[in-house]
């Protein structure tokens, strides 16, 4: 946004159009979406728009964007963690029937069964 705004202003200056610093700052502040409303209100109330430098505004906006991005990322991660089911381990219960015996299995069958249980 900053690059596009600067390009437009530089092009207009090429046509002898002059803007005060206060006018440029107020134009940027008016262009904000609702997501940036809190930042716009803060700048309007704490800074004198007519004396606020454009470079300072850019720095403030970049800082706000970085902090906002970190907050959104933390919120997204916490929401994802809440959606994940808790890790549960399932134990198989062994029941020995009187009619069956494990001694009838050959060594190869027993190895296959052990491998299957491990998977």
PDB file of N, CA and C in Angstrom:
ATOM      1  N   UNK A   1       0.824  -1.172   0.000  1.00  0.00           N
ATOM      2  CA  UNK A   1       0.000   0.000   0.000  1.00  0.00           C
ATOM      3  C   UNK A   1       0.875   1.244   0.000  1.00  0.00           C
ATOM      4  N   UNK A   2       1.934   1.213   0.772  1.00  0.00           N
ATOM      5  CA  UNK A   2       2.816   2.375   0.863  1.00  0.00           C
ATOM      6  C   UNK A   2       3.467   2.656  -0.478  1.00  0.00           C
ATOM      7  N   UNK A   3       3.915   1.618  -1.158  1.00  0.00           N
ATOM      8  CA  UNK A   3       4.563   1.788  -2.448  1.00  0.00           C
ATOM      9  C   UNK A   3       3.594   2.357  -3.479  1.00  0.00           C
ATOM     10  N   UNK A   4       2.391   1.821  -3.526  1.00  0.00           N
ATOM     11  CA  UNK A   4       1.392   2.327  -4.478  1.00  0.00           C
ATOM     12  C   UNK A   4       1.053   3.780  -4.188  1.00  0.00           C
ATOM     13  N   UNK A   5       0.874   4.102  -2.919  1.00  0.00           N
ATOM     14  CA  UNK A   5       0.537   5.470  -2.540  1.00  0.00           C
ATOM     15  C   UNK A   5       1.673   6.420  -2.921  1.00  0.00           C
ATOM     16  N   UNK A   6       2.900   6.029  -2.661  1.00  0.00           N
ATOM     17  CA  UNK A   6       4.057   6.870  -2.992  1.00  0.00           C
ATOM     18  C   UNK A   6       4.171   7.062  -4.494  1.00  0.00           C
ATOM     19  N   UNK A   7       3.947   6.007  -5.262  1.00  0.00           N
ATOM     20  CA  UNK A   7       4.005   6.124  -6.725  1.00  0.00           C
ATOM     21  C   UNK A   7       2.958   7.105  -7.247  1.00  0.00           C
ATOM     22  N   UNK A   8       1.748   7.025  -6.713  1.00  0.00           N
ATOM     23  CA  UNK A   8       0.681   7.927  -7.151  1.00  0.00           C
ATOM     24  C   UNK A   8       1.018   9.369  -6.802  1.00  0.00           C
ATOM     25  N   UNK A   9       1.490   9.588  -5.597  1.00  0.00           N
ATOM     26  CA  UNK A   9       1.843  10.947  -5.163  1.00  0.00           C
ATOM     27  C   UNK A   9       2.989  11.496  -6.003  1.00  0.00           C
ATOM     28  N   UNK A  10       3.989  10.682  -6.283  1.00  0.00           N
ATOM     29  CA  UNK A  10       5.112  11.147  -7.106  1.00  0.00           C
ATOM     30  C   UNK A  10       4.652  11.491  -8.526  1.00  0.00           C
ATOM     31  N   UNK A  11       3.737  10.683  -9.067  1.00  0.00           N
ATOM     32  CA  UNK A  11       3.210  10.988 -10.400  1.00  0.00           C
ATOM     33  C   UNK A  11       2.431  12.305 -10.392  1.00  0.00           C
ATOM     34  N   UNK A  12       1.649  12.528  -9.353  1.00  0.00           N
ATOM     35  CA  UNK A  12       0.891  13.778  -9.259  1.00  0.00           C
ATOM     36  C   UNK A  12       1.811  14.985  -9.066  1.00  0.00           C
ATOM     37  N   UNK A  13       2.909  14.782  -8.351  1.00  0.00           N
ATOM     38  CA  UNK A  13       3.883  15.872  -8.186  1.00  0.00           C
ATOM     39  C   UNK A  13       4.524  16.210  -9.524  1.00  0.00           C
ATOM     40  N   UNK A  14       4.632  15.216 -10.406  1.00  0.00           N
ATOM     41  CA  UNK A  14       5.161  15.458 -11.747  1.00  0.00           C
ATOM     42  C   UNK A  14       4.251  16.364 -12.562  1.00  0.00           C
ATOM     43  N   UNK A  15       2.978  16.414 -12.211  1.00  0.00           N
ATOM     44  CA  UNK A  15       2.019  17.294 -12.881  1.00  0.00           C
ATOM     45  C   UNK A  15       1.810  18.592 -12.097  1.00  0.00           C
ATOM     46  N   UNK A  16       2.769  18.929 -11.280  1.00  0.00           N
ATOM     47  CA  UNK A  16       2.761  20.154 -10.462  1.00  0.00           C
ATOM     48  C   UNK A  16       1.611  20.193  -9.465  1.00  0.00           C
ATOM     49  N   UNK A  17       1.170  19.063  -9.023  1.00  0.00           N
ATOM     50  CA  UNK A  17       0.141  19.000  -7.981  1.00  0.00           C
ATOM     51  C   UNK A  17       0.859  18.938  -6.646  1.00  0.00           C
ATOM     52  N   UNK A  18       0.510  19.806  -5.726  1.00  0.00           N
ATOM     53  CA  UNK A  18       1.205  19.864  -4.440  1.00  0.00           C
ATOM     54  C   UNK A  18       0.261  19.443  -3.320  1.00  0.00           C
ATOM     55  N   UNK A  19       0.829  18.677  -2.399  1.00  0.00           N
ATOM     56  CA  UNK A  19       0.088  18.200  -1.239  1.00  0.00           C
ATOM     57  C   UNK A  19       0.861  18.534   0.017  1.00  0.00           C
ATOM     58  N   UNK A  20       0.152  18.933   1.052  1.00  0.00           N
ATOM     59  CA  UNK A  20       0.811  19.110   2.339  1.00  0.00           C
ATOM     60  C   UNK A  20       0.948  17.751   2.998  1.00  0.00           C
ATOM     61  N   UNK A  21       1.865  17.686   3.943  1.00  0.00           N
ATOM     62  CA  UNK A  21       2.087  16.426   4.645  1.00  0.00           C
ATOM     63  C   UNK A  21       0.824  15.997   5.391  1.00  0.00           C
ATOM     64  N   UNK A  22       0.124  16.948   5.976  1.00  0.00           N
ATOM     65  CA  UNK A  22      -1.107  16.638   6.702  1.00  0.00           C
ATOM     66  C   UNK A  22      -2.177  16.051   5.799  1.00  0.00           C
ATOM     67  N   UNK A  23      -2.247  16.578   4.559  1.00  0.00           N
ATOM     68  CA  UNK A  23      -3.230  16.066   3.612  1.00  0.00           C
ATOM     69  C   UNK A  23      -2.911  14.620   3.212  1.00  0.00           C
ATOM     70  N   UNK A  24      -1.631  14.335   3.022  1.00  0.00           N
ATOM     71  CA  UNK A  24      -1.223  12.972   2.648  1.00  0.00           C
ATOM     72  C   UNK A  24      -1.519  11.991   3.782  1.00  0.00           C
ATOM     73  N   UNK A  25      -1.198  12.394   5.007  1.00  0.00           N
ATOM     74  CA  UNK A  25      -1.450  11.518   6.150  1.00  0.00           C
ATOM     75  C   UNK A  25      -2.950  11.268   6.300  1.00  0.00           C
ATOM     76  N   UNK A  26      -3.746  12.314   6.171  1.00  0.00           N
ATOM     77  CA  UNK A  26      -5.197  12.127   6.325  1.00  0.00           C
ATOM     78  C   UNK A  26      -5.781  11.279   5.196  1.00  0.00           C
ATOM     79  N   UNK A  27      -5.234  11.368   3.991  1.00  0.00           N
ATOM     80  CA  UNK A  27      -5.707  10.524   2.886  1.00  0.00           C
ATOM     81  C   UNK A  27      -5.411   9.051   3.159  1.00  0.00           C
ATOM     82  N   UNK A  28      -4.247   8.785   3.693  1.00  0.00           N
ATOM     83  CA  UNK A  28      -3.901   7.393   4.023  1.00  0.00           C
ATOM     84  C   UNK A  28      -4.822   6.872   5.122  1.00  0.00           C
ATOM     85  N   UNK A  29      -5.029   7.688   6.146  1.00  0.00           N
ATOM     86  CA  UNK A  29      -5.875   7.249   7.259  1.00  0.00           C
ATOM     87  C   UNK A  29      -7.313   6.992   6.817  1.00  0.00           C
ATOM     88  N   UNK A  30      -7.806   7.774   5.881  1.00  0.00           N
ATOM     89  CA  UNK A  30      -9.175   7.574   5.381  1.00  0.00           C
ATOM     90  C   UNK A  30      -9.310   6.305   4.558  1.00  0.00           C
ATOM     91  N   UNK A  31      -8.210   5.842   3.988  1.00  0.00           N
ATOM     92  CA  UNK A  31      -8.277   4.678   3.095  1.00  0.00           C
ATOM     93  C   UNK A  31      -8.279   3.342   3.838  1.00  0.00           C
ATOM     94  N   UNK A  32      -8.142   3.362   5.154  1.00  0.00           N
ATOM     95  CA  UNK A  32      -8.060   2.117   5.910  1.00  0.00           C
ATOM     96  C   UNK A  32      -9.375   1.356   5.905  1.00  0.00           C
ATOM     97  N   UNK A  33      -9.255   0.034   5.939  1.00  0.00           N
ATOM     98  CA  UNK A  33     -10.429  -0.826   6.060  1.00  0.00           C
ATOM     99  C   UNK A  33     -10.829  -0.927   7.533  1.00  0.00           C
ATOM    100  N   UNK A  34     -11.881  -1.669   7.806  1.00  0.00           N
ATOM    101  CA  UNK A  34     -12.370  -1.808   9.185  1.00  0.00           C
ATOM    102  C   UNK A  34     -11.361  -2.519  10.077  1.00  0.00           C
ATOM    103  N   UNK A  35     -10.539  -3.378   9.500  1.00  0.00           N
ATOM    104  CA  UNK A  35      -9.518  -4.084  10.289  1.00  0.00           C
ATOM    105  C   UNK A  35      -8.521  -3.117  10.911  1.00  0.00           C
ATOM    106  N   UNK A  36      -8.312  -1.994  10.258  1.00  0.00           N
ATOM    107  CA  UNK A  36      -7.329  -1.015  10.701  1.00  0.00           C
ATOM    108  C   UNK A  36      -7.984   0.140  11.450  1.00  0.00           C
ATOM    109  N   UNK A  37      -9.248   0.021  11.749  1.00  0.00           N
ATOM    110  CA  UNK A  37      -9.989   1.115  12.371  1.00  0.00           C
ATOM    111  C   UNK A  37      -9.383   1.543  13.707  1.00  0.00           C
ATOM    112  N   UNK A  38      -8.972   0.574  14.514  1.00  0.00           N
ATOM    113  CA  UNK A  38      -8.402   0.911  15.821  1.00  0.00           C
ATOM    114  C   UNK A  38      -7.103   1.698  15.666  1.00  0.00           C
ATOM    115  N   UNK A  39      -6.291   1.337  14.706  1.00  0.00           N
ATOM    116  CA  UNK A  39      -5.048   2.067  14.463  1.00  0.00           C
ATOM    117  C   UNK A  39      -5.333   3.483  13.971  1.00  0.00           C
ATOM    118  N   UNK A  40      -6.314   3.623  13.093  1.00  0.00           N
ATOM    119  CA  UNK A  40      -6.673   4.947  12.566  1.00  0.00           C
ATOM    120  C   UNK A  40      -7.152   5.864  13.682  1.00  0.00           C
ATOM    121  N   UNK A  41      -8.017   5.351  14.536  1.00  0.00           N
ATOM    122  CA  UNK A  41      -8.547   6.148  15.643  1.00  0.00           C
ATOM    123  C   UNK A  41      -7.426   6.548  16.596  1.00  0.00           C
ATOM    124  N   UNK A  42      -6.517   5.635  16.872  1.00  0.00           N
ATOM    125  CA  UNK A  42      -5.396   5.920  17.758  1.00  0.00           C
ATOM    126  C   UNK A  42      -4.529   7.043  17.202  1.00  0.00           C
ATOM    127  N   UNK A  43      -4.205   6.968  15.921  1.00  0.00           N
ATOM    128  CA  UNK A  43      -3.365   7.997  15.300  1.00  0.00           C
ATOM    129  C   UNK A  43      -4.100   9.330  15.258  1.00  0.00           C
ATOM    130  N   UNK A  44      -5.378   9.300  14.920  1.00  0.00           N
ATOM    131  CA  UNK A  44      -6.166  10.542  14.891  1.00  0.00           C
ATOM    132  C   UNK A  44      -6.191  11.233  16.252  1.00  0.00           C
ATOM    133  N   UNK A  45      -6.320  10.451  17.307  1.00  0.00           N
ATOM    134  CA  UNK A  45      -6.463  11.030  18.639  1.00  0.00           C
ATOM    135  C   UNK A  45      -5.146  11.407  19.305  1.00  0.00           C
ATOM    136  N   UNK A  46      -4.065  10.750  18.948  1.00  0.00           N
ATOM    137  CA  UNK A  46      -2.803  11.004  19.647  1.00  0.00           C
ATOM    138  C   UNK A  46      -1.833  11.885  18.872  1.00  0.00           C
ATOM    139  N   UNK A  47      -1.967  11.953  17.585  1.00  0.00           N
ATOM    140  CA  UNK A  47      -1.013  12.713  16.765  1.00  0.00           C
ATOM    141  C   UNK A  47      -1.702  13.895  16.111  1.00  0.00           C
ATOM    142  N   UNK A  48      -0.925  14.946  15.893  1.00  0.00           N
ATOM    143  CA  UNK A  48      -1.417  16.071  15.106  1.00  0.00           C
ATOM    144  C   UNK A  48      -1.167  15.715  13.648  1.00  0.00           C
ATOM    145  N   UNK A  49      -2.216  15.471  12.910  1.00  0.00           N
ATOM    146  CA  UNK A  49      -2.108  14.990  11.531  1.00  0.00           C
ATOM    147  C   UNK A  49      -1.340  15.975  10.660  1.00  0.00           C
ATOM    148  N   UNK A  50      -1.443  17.255  10.944  1.00  0.00           N
ATOM    149  CA  UNK A  50      -0.771  18.262  10.120  1.00  0.00           C
ATOM    150  C   UNK A  50       0.745  18.258  10.302  1.00  0.00           C
ATOM    151  N   UNK A  51       1.234  17.807  11.454  1.00  0.00           N
ATOM    152  CA  UNK A  51       2.680  17.790  11.688  1.00  0.00           C
ATOM    153  C   UNK A  51       3.273  16.381  11.693  1.00  0.00           C
ATOM    154  N   UNK A  52       2.417  15.384  11.589  1.00  0.00           N
ATOM    155  CA  UNK A  52       2.869  13.989  11.616  1.00  0.00           C
ATOM    156  C   UNK A  52       3.546  13.663  10.289  1.00  0.00           C
ATOM    157  N   UNK A  53       4.786  13.222  10.352  1.00  0.00           N
ATOM    158  CA  UNK A  53       5.542  12.925   9.130  1.00  0.00           C
ATOM    159  C   UNK A  53       5.057  11.625   8.492  1.00  0.00           C
ATOM    160  N   UNK A  54       5.107  11.605   7.185  1.00  0.00           N
ATOM    161  CA  UNK A  54       4.668  10.436   6.431  1.00  0.00           C
ATOM    162  C   UNK A  54       5.519   9.209   6.772  1.00  0.00           C
ATOM    163  N   UNK A  55       6.814   9.404   6.957  1.00  0.00           N
ATOM    164  CA  UNK A  55       7.717   8.300   7.296  1.00  0.00           C
ATOM    165  C   UNK A  55       7.374   7.724   8.669  1.00  0.00           C
ATOM    166  N   UNK A  56       7.014   8.602   9.610  1.00  0.00           N
ATOM    167  CA  UNK A  56       6.612   8.120  10.930  1.00  0.00           C
ATOM    168  C   UNK A  56       5.324   7.313  10.844  1.00  0.00           C
ATOM    169  N   UNK A  57       4.416   7.766  10.003  1.00  0.00           N
ATOM    170  CA  UNK A  57       3.168   7.022   9.794  1.00  0.00           C
ATOM    171  C   UNK A  57       3.458   5.647   9.211  1.00  0.00           C
ATOM    172  N   UNK A  58       4.347   5.585   8.239  1.00  0.00           N
ATOM    173  CA  UNK A  58       4.710   4.298   7.646  1.00  0.00           C
ATOM    174  C   UNK A  58       5.288   3.361   8.708  1.00  0.00           C
ATOM    175  N   UNK A  59       6.170   3.874   9.550  1.00  0.00           N
ATOM    176  CA  UNK A  59       6.757   3.053  10.604  1.00  0.00           C
ATOM    177  C   UNK A  59       5.715   2.554  11.585  1.00  0.00           C
ATOM    178  N   UNK A  60       4.788   3.432  11.963  1.00  0.00           N
ATOM    179  CA  UNK A  60       3.715   3.045  12.875  1.00  0.00           C
ATOM    180  C   UNK A  60       2.844   1.958  12.265  1.00  0.00           C
ATOM    181  N   UNK A  61       2.523   2.112  10.989  1.00  0.00           N
ATOM    182  CA  UNK A  61       1.668   1.136  10.318  1.00  0.00           C
ATOM    183  C   UNK A  61       2.362  -0.216  10.172  1.00  0.00           C
ATOM    184  N   UNK A  62       3.649  -0.191   9.861  1.00  0.00           N
ATOM    185  CA  UNK A  62       4.386  -1.452   9.734  1.00  0.00           C
ATOM    186  C   UNK A  62       4.477  -2.175  11.075  1.00  0.00           C
ATOM    187  N   UNK A  63       4.709  -1.417  12.137  1.00  0.00           N
ATOM    188  CA  UNK A  63       4.765  -2.015  13.465  1.00  0.00           C
ATOM    189  C   UNK A  63       3.417  -2.623  13.839  1.00  0.00           C
ATOM    190  N   UNK A  64       2.353  -1.887  13.577  1.00  0.00           N
ATOM    191  CA  UNK A  64       1.012  -2.390  13.869  1.00  0.00           C
ATOM    192  C   UNK A  64       0.726  -3.659  13.072  1.00  0.00           C
ATOM    193  N   UNK A  65       1.118  -3.668  11.807  1.00  0.00           N
ATOM    194  CA  UNK A  65       0.864  -4.829  10.961  1.00  0.00           C
ATOM    195  C   UNK A  65       1.616  -6.054  11.458  1.00  0.00           C
ATOM    196  N   UNK A  66       2.878  -5.873  11.851  1.00  0.00           N
ATOM    197  CA  UNK A  66       3.656  -7.002  12.366  1.00  0.00           C
ATOM    198  C   UNK A  66       3.052  -7.541  13.659  1.00  0.00           C
ATOM    199  N   UNK A  67       2.690  -6.653  14.572  1.00  0.00           N
ATOM    200  CA  UNK A  67       2.088  -7.095  15.834  1.00  0.00           C
ATOM    201  C   UNK A  67       0.740  -7.759  15.595  1.00  0.00           C
ATOM    202  N   UNK A  68      -0.030  -7.212  14.686  1.00  0.00           N
ATOM    203  CA  UNK A  68      -1.337  -7.772  14.367  1.00  0.00           C
ATOM    204  C   UNK A  68      -1.195  -9.152  13.723  1.00  0.00           C
ATOM    205  N   UNK A  69      -0.201  -9.312  12.864  1.00  0.00           N
ATOM    206  CA  UNK A  69       0.027 -10.605  12.212  1.00  0.00           C
ATOM    207  C   UNK A  69       0.424 -11.665  13.236  1.00  0.00           C
ATOM    208  N   UNK A  70       1.286 -11.293  14.198  1.00  0.00           N
ATOM    209  CA  UNK A  70       1.693 -12.241  15.234  1.00  0.00           C
ATOM    210  C   UNK A  70       0.501 -12.654  16.091  1.00  0.00           C
ATOM    211  N   UNK A  71      -0.346 -11.689  16.433  1.00  0.00           N
ATOM    212  CA  UNK A  71      -1.518 -11.979  17.240  1.00  0.00           C
ATOM    213  C   UNK A  71      -2.477 -12.898  16.490  1.00  0.00           C
ATOM    214  N   UNK A  72      -2.688 -12.630  15.208  1.00  0.00           N
ATOM    215  CA  UNK A  72      -3.578 -13.477  14.409  1.00  0.00           C
ATOM    216  C   UNK A  72      -3.027 -14.895  14.294  1.00  0.00           C
ATOM    217  N   UNK A  73      -1.708 -15.007  14.147  1.00  0.00           N
ATOM    218  CA  UNK A  73      -1.084 -16.329  14.024  1.00  0.00           C
ATOM    219  C   UNK A  73      -1.242 -17.118  15.327  1.00  0.00           C
ATOM    220  N   UNK A  74      -1.038 -16.462  16.462  1.00  0.00           N
ATOM    221  CA  UNK A  74      -1.214 -17.136  17.750  1.00  0.00           C
ATOM    222  C   UNK A  74      -2.658 -17.576  17.933  1.00  0.00           C
ATOM    223  N   UNK A  75      -3.596 -16.727  17.544  1.00  0.00           N
ATOM    224  CA  UNK A  75      -5.010 -17.059  17.656  1.00  0.00           C
ATOM    225  C   UNK A  75      -5.359 -18.234  16.764  1.00  0.00           C
ATOM    226  N   UNK A  76      -4.827 -18.239  15.545  1.00  0.00           N
ATOM    227  CA  UNK A  76      -5.089 -19.332  14.610  1.00  0.00           C
ATOM    228  C   UNK A  76      -4.536 -20.652  15.146  1.00  0.00           C
ATOM    229  N   UNK A  77      -3.322 -20.611  15.696  1.00  0.00           N
ATOM    230  CA  UNK A  77      -2.723 -21.832  16.231  1.00  0.00           C
ATOM    231  C   UNK A  77      -3.508 -22.359  17.423  1.00  0.00           C
ATOM    232  N   UNK A  78      -3.951 -21.468  18.293  1.00  0.00           N
ATOM    233  CA  UNK A  78      -4.706 -21.927  19.455  1.00  0.00           C
ATOM    234  C   UNK A  78      -6.051 -22.521  19.025  1.00  0.00           C
ATOM    235  N   UNK A  79      -6.672 -21.952  17.996  1.00  0.00           N
ATOM    236  CA  UNK A  79      -7.932 -22.514  17.494  1.00  0.00           C
ATOM    237  C   UNK A  79      -7.702 -23.890  16.894  1.00  0.00           C
ATOM    238  N   UNK A  80      -6.591 -24.051  16.171  1.00  0.00           N
ATOM    239  CA  UNK A  80      -6.292 -25.355  15.579  1.00  0.00           C
ATOM    240  C   UNK A  80      -6.039 -26.389  16.669  1.00  0.00           C
ATOM    241  N   UNK A  81      -5.337 -25.977  17.728  1.00  0.00           N
ATOM    242  CA  UNK A  81      -5.060 -26.910  18.818  1.00  0.00           C
ATOM    243  C   UNK A  81      -6.348 -27.331  19.509  1.00  0.00           C
ATOM    244  N   UNK A  82      -7.295 -26.420  19.600  1.00  0.00           N
ATOM    245  CA  UNK A  82      -8.563 -26.746  20.247  1.00  0.00           C
ATOM    246  C   UNK A  82      -9.383 -27.711  19.401  1.00  0.00           C
ATOM    247  N   UNK A  83      -9.223 -27.656  18.080  1.00  0.00           N
ATOM    248  CA  UNK A  83      -9.986 -28.532  17.190  1.00  0.00           C
ATOM    249  C   UNK A  83      -9.442 -29.951  17.172  1.00  0.00           C
ATOM    250  N   UNK A  84      -8.148 -30.104  17.428  1.00  0.00           N
ATOM    251  CA  UNK A  84      -7.536 -31.422  17.383  1.00  0.00           C
ATOM    252  C   UNK A  84      -8.022 -32.263  18.557  1.00  0.00           C
ATOM    253  N   UNK A  85      -8.383 -33.494  18.281  1.00  0.00           N
ATOM    254  CA  UNK A  85      -8.766 -34.365  19.394  1.00  0.00           C
ATOM    255  C   UNK A  85      -7.534 -34.691  20.233  1.00  0.00           C
ATOM    256  N   UNK A  86      -7.705 -34.924  21.501  1.00  0.00           N
ATOM    257  CA  UNK A  86      -6.544 -35.246  22.334  1.00  0.00           C
ATOM    258  C   UNK A  86      -5.936 -36.573  21.896  1.00  0.00           C
ATOM    259  N   UNK A  87      -4.634 -36.681  22.056  1.00  0.00           N
ATOM    260  CA  UNK A  87      -3.947 -37.917  21.696  1.00  0.00           C
ATOM    261  C   UNK A  87      -4.313 -39.000  22.704  1.00  0.00           C
ATOM    262  N   UNK A  88      -4.860 -40.066  22.183  1.00  0.00           N
ATOM    263  CA  UNK A  88      -5.263 -41.179  23.042  1.00  0.00           C
ATOM    264  C   UNK A  88      -4.624 -42.455  22.532  1.00  0.00           C
ATOM    265  N   UNK A  89      -4.219 -43.258  23.476  1.00  0.00           N
ATOM    266  CA  UNK A  89      -3.676 -44.555  23.118  1.00  0.00           C
ATOM    267  C   UNK A  89      -4.702 -45.615  23.482  1.00  0.00           C
ATOM    268  N   UNK A  90      -4.879 -46.528  22.584  1.00  0.00           N
ATOM    269  CA  UNK A  90      -5.866 -47.582  22.810  1.00  0.00           C
ATOM    270  C   UNK A  90      -5.120 -48.864  23.171  1.00  0.00           C
ATOM    271  N   UNK A  91      -5.497 -49.404  24.287  1.00  0.00           N
ATOM    272  CA  UNK A  91      -4.894 -50.662  24.726  1.00  0.00           C
ATOM    273  C   UNK A  91      -5.849 -51.798  24.393  1.00  0.00           C
ATOM    274  N   UNK A  92      -5.290 -52.873  23.908  1.00  0.00           N
ATOM    275  CA  UNK A  92      -6.105 -54.038  23.594  1.00  0.00           C
ATOM    276  C   UNK A  92      -6.133 -54.964  24.802  1.00  0.00           C
ATOM    277  N   UNK A  93      -7.316 -55.393  25.143  1.00  0.00           N
ATOM    278  CA  UNK A  93      -7.478 -56.279  26.285  1.00  0.00           C
ATOM    279  C   UNK A  93      -7.373 -57.723  25.803  1.00  0.00           C
ATOM    280  N   UNK A  94      -6.599 -58.471  26.484  1.00  0.00           N
ATOM    281  CA  UNK A  94      -6.399 -59.871  26.110  1.00  0.00           C
ATOM    282  C   UNK A  94      -7.331 -60.756  26.925  1.00  0.00           C
ATOM    283  N   UNK A  95      -8.070 -61.575  26.224  1.00  0.00           N
ATOM    284  CA  UNK A  95      -8.978 -62.504  26.885  1.00  0.00           C
ATOM    285  C   UNK A  95      -8.606 -63.905  26.415  1.00  0.00           C
ATOM    286  N   UNK A  96      -8.345 -64.757  27.342  1.00  0.00           N
ATOM    287  CA  UNK A  96      -8.024 -66.146  27.008  1.00  0.00           C
ATOM    288  C   UNK A  96      -9.278 -66.983  27.143  1.00  0.00           C
ATOM    289  N   UNK A  97      -9.646 -67.585  26.043  1.00  0.00           N
ATOM    290  CA  UNK A  97     -10.764 -68.518  26.087  1.00  0.00           C
ATOM    291  C   UNK A  97     -10.221 -69.875  26.532  1.00  0.00           C
ATOM    292  N   UNK A  98     -11.064 -70.618  27.180  1.00  0.00           N
ATOM    293  CA  UNK A  98     -10.632 -71.933  27.654  1.00  0.00           C
ATOM    294  C   UNK A  98     -10.359 -72.882  26.503  1.00  0.00           C
ATOM    295  N   UNK A  99     -11.059 -72.699  25.404  1.00  0.00           N
ATOM    296  CA  UNK A  99     -10.913 -73.608  24.285  1.00  0.00           C
ATOM    297  C   UNK A  99      -9.736 -73.289  23.380  1.00  0.00           C
ATOM    298  N   UNK A 100      -9.189 -72.092  23.440  1.00  0.00           N
ATOM    299  CA  UNK A 100      -8.092 -71.753  22.532  1.00  0.00           C
ATOM    300  C   UNK A 100      -6.788 -71.676  23.293  1.00  0.00           C
ATOM    301  N   UNK A 101      -5.739 -71.967  22.589  1.00  0.00           N
ATOM    302  CA  UNK A 101      -4.425 -71.943  23.214  1.00  0.00           C
ATOM    303  C   UNK A 101      -3.428 -71.374  22.226  1.00  0.00           C
ATOM    304  N   UNK A 102      -2.494 -70.580  22.709  1.00  0.00           N
ATOM    305  CA  UNK A 102      -1.464 -69.986  21.852  1.00  0.00           C
ATOM    306  C   UNK A 102      -0.335 -70.962  21.560  1.00  0.00           C
ATOM    307  N   UNK A 103      -0.318 -72.086  22.230  1.00  0.00           N
ATOM    308  CA  UNK A 103       0.777 -73.037  22.028  1.00  0.00           C
ATOM    309  C   UNK A 103       0.633 -73.782  20.718  1.00  0.00           C
ATOM    310  N   UNK A 104      -0.544 -73.729  20.070  1.00  0.00           N
ATOM    311  CA  UNK A 104      -0.749 -74.400  18.799  1.00  0.00           C
ATOM    312  C   UNK A 104      -0.130 -73.630  17.642  1.00  0.00           C
ATOM    313  N   UNK A 105       0.274 -72.374  17.852  1.00  0.00           N
ATOM    314  CA  UNK A 105       0.848 -71.567  16.776  1.00  0.00           C
ATOM    315  C   UNK A 105       2.307 -71.911  16.574  1.00  0.00           C
ATOM    316  N   UNK A 106       2.697 -71.896  15.286  1.00  0.00           N
ATOM    317  CA  UNK A 106       4.103 -72.128  14.991  1.00  0.00           C
ATOM    318  C   UNK A 106       4.874 -70.835  15.263  1.00  0.00           C
ATOM    319  N   UNK A 107       6.166 -70.931  15.269  1.00  0.00           N
ATOM    320  CA  UNK A 107       7.017 -69.780  15.543  1.00  0.00           C
ATOM    321  C   UNK A 107       6.835 -68.684  14.506  1.00  0.00           C
ATOM    322  N   UNK A 108       6.640 -69.065  13.241  1.00  0.00           N
ATOM    323  CA  UNK A 108       6.443 -68.098  12.157  1.00  0.00           C
ATOM    324  C   UNK A 108       5.103 -67.372  12.312  1.00  0.00           C
ATOM    325  N   UNK A 109       4.053 -68.108  12.663  1.00  0.00           N
ATOM    326  CA  UNK A 109       2.745 -67.494  12.876  1.00  0.00           C
ATOM    327  C   UNK A 109       2.778 -66.536  14.064  1.00  0.00           C
ATOM    328  N   UNK A 110       3.501 -66.926  15.105  1.00  0.00           N
ATOM    329  CA  UNK A 110       3.619 -66.089  16.287  1.00  0.00           C
ATOM    330  C   UNK A 110       4.369 -64.797  15.948  1.00  0.00           C
ATOM    331  N   UNK A 111       5.438 -64.896  15.115  1.00  0.00           N
ATOM    332  CA  UNK A 111       6.180 -63.702  14.683  1.00  0.00           C
ATOM    333  C   UNK A 111       5.292 -62.774  13.868  1.00  0.00           C
ATOM    334  N   UNK A 112       4.467 -63.350  12.987  1.00  0.00           N
ATOM    335  CA  UNK A 112       3.541 -62.543  12.184  1.00  0.00           C
ATOM    336  C   UNK A 112       2.534 -61.822  13.084  1.00  0.00           C
ATOM    337  N   UNK A 113       2.044 -62.518  14.092  1.00  0.00           N
ATOM    338  CA  UNK A 113       1.077 -61.930  15.007  1.00  0.00           C
ATOM    339  C   UNK A 113       1.719 -60.792  15.806  1.00  0.00           C
ATOM    340  N   UNK A 114       2.945 -60.998  16.239  1.00  0.00           N
ATOM    341  CA  UNK A 114       3.674 -59.955  16.986  1.00  0.00           C
ATOM    342  C   UNK A 114       3.863 -58.720  16.098  1.00  0.00           C
ATOM    343  N   UNK A 115       4.237 -58.944  14.822  1.00  0.00           N
ATOM    344  CA  UNK A 115       4.401 -57.823  13.883  1.00  0.00           C
ATOM    345  C   UNK A 115       3.095 -57.085  13.666  1.00  0.00           C
ATOM    346  N   UNK A 116       2.006 -57.823  13.543  1.00  0.00           N
ATOM    347  CA  UNK A 116       0.697 -57.223  13.342  1.00  0.00           C
ATOM    348  C   UNK A 116       0.285 -56.388  14.552  1.00  0.00           C
ATOM    349  N   UNK A 117       0.549 -56.882  15.719  1.00  0.00           N
ATOM    350  CA  UNK A 117       0.202 -56.157  16.954  1.00  0.00           C
ATOM    351  C   UNK A 117       1.049 -54.895  17.077  1.00  0.00           C
ATOM    352  N   UNK A 118       2.313 -54.957  16.680  1.00  0.00           N
ATOM    353  CA  UNK A 118       3.188 -53.781  16.757  1.00  0.00           C
ATOM    354  C   UNK A 118       2.732 -52.677  15.817  1.00  0.00           C
ATOM    355  N   UNK A 119       2.182 -53.034  14.675  1.00  0.00           N
ATOM    356  CA  UNK A 119       1.717 -52.032  13.710  1.00  0.00           C
ATOM    357  C   UNK A 119       0.523 -51.345  14.264  1.00  0.00           C
TER     358      UNK A 119
END
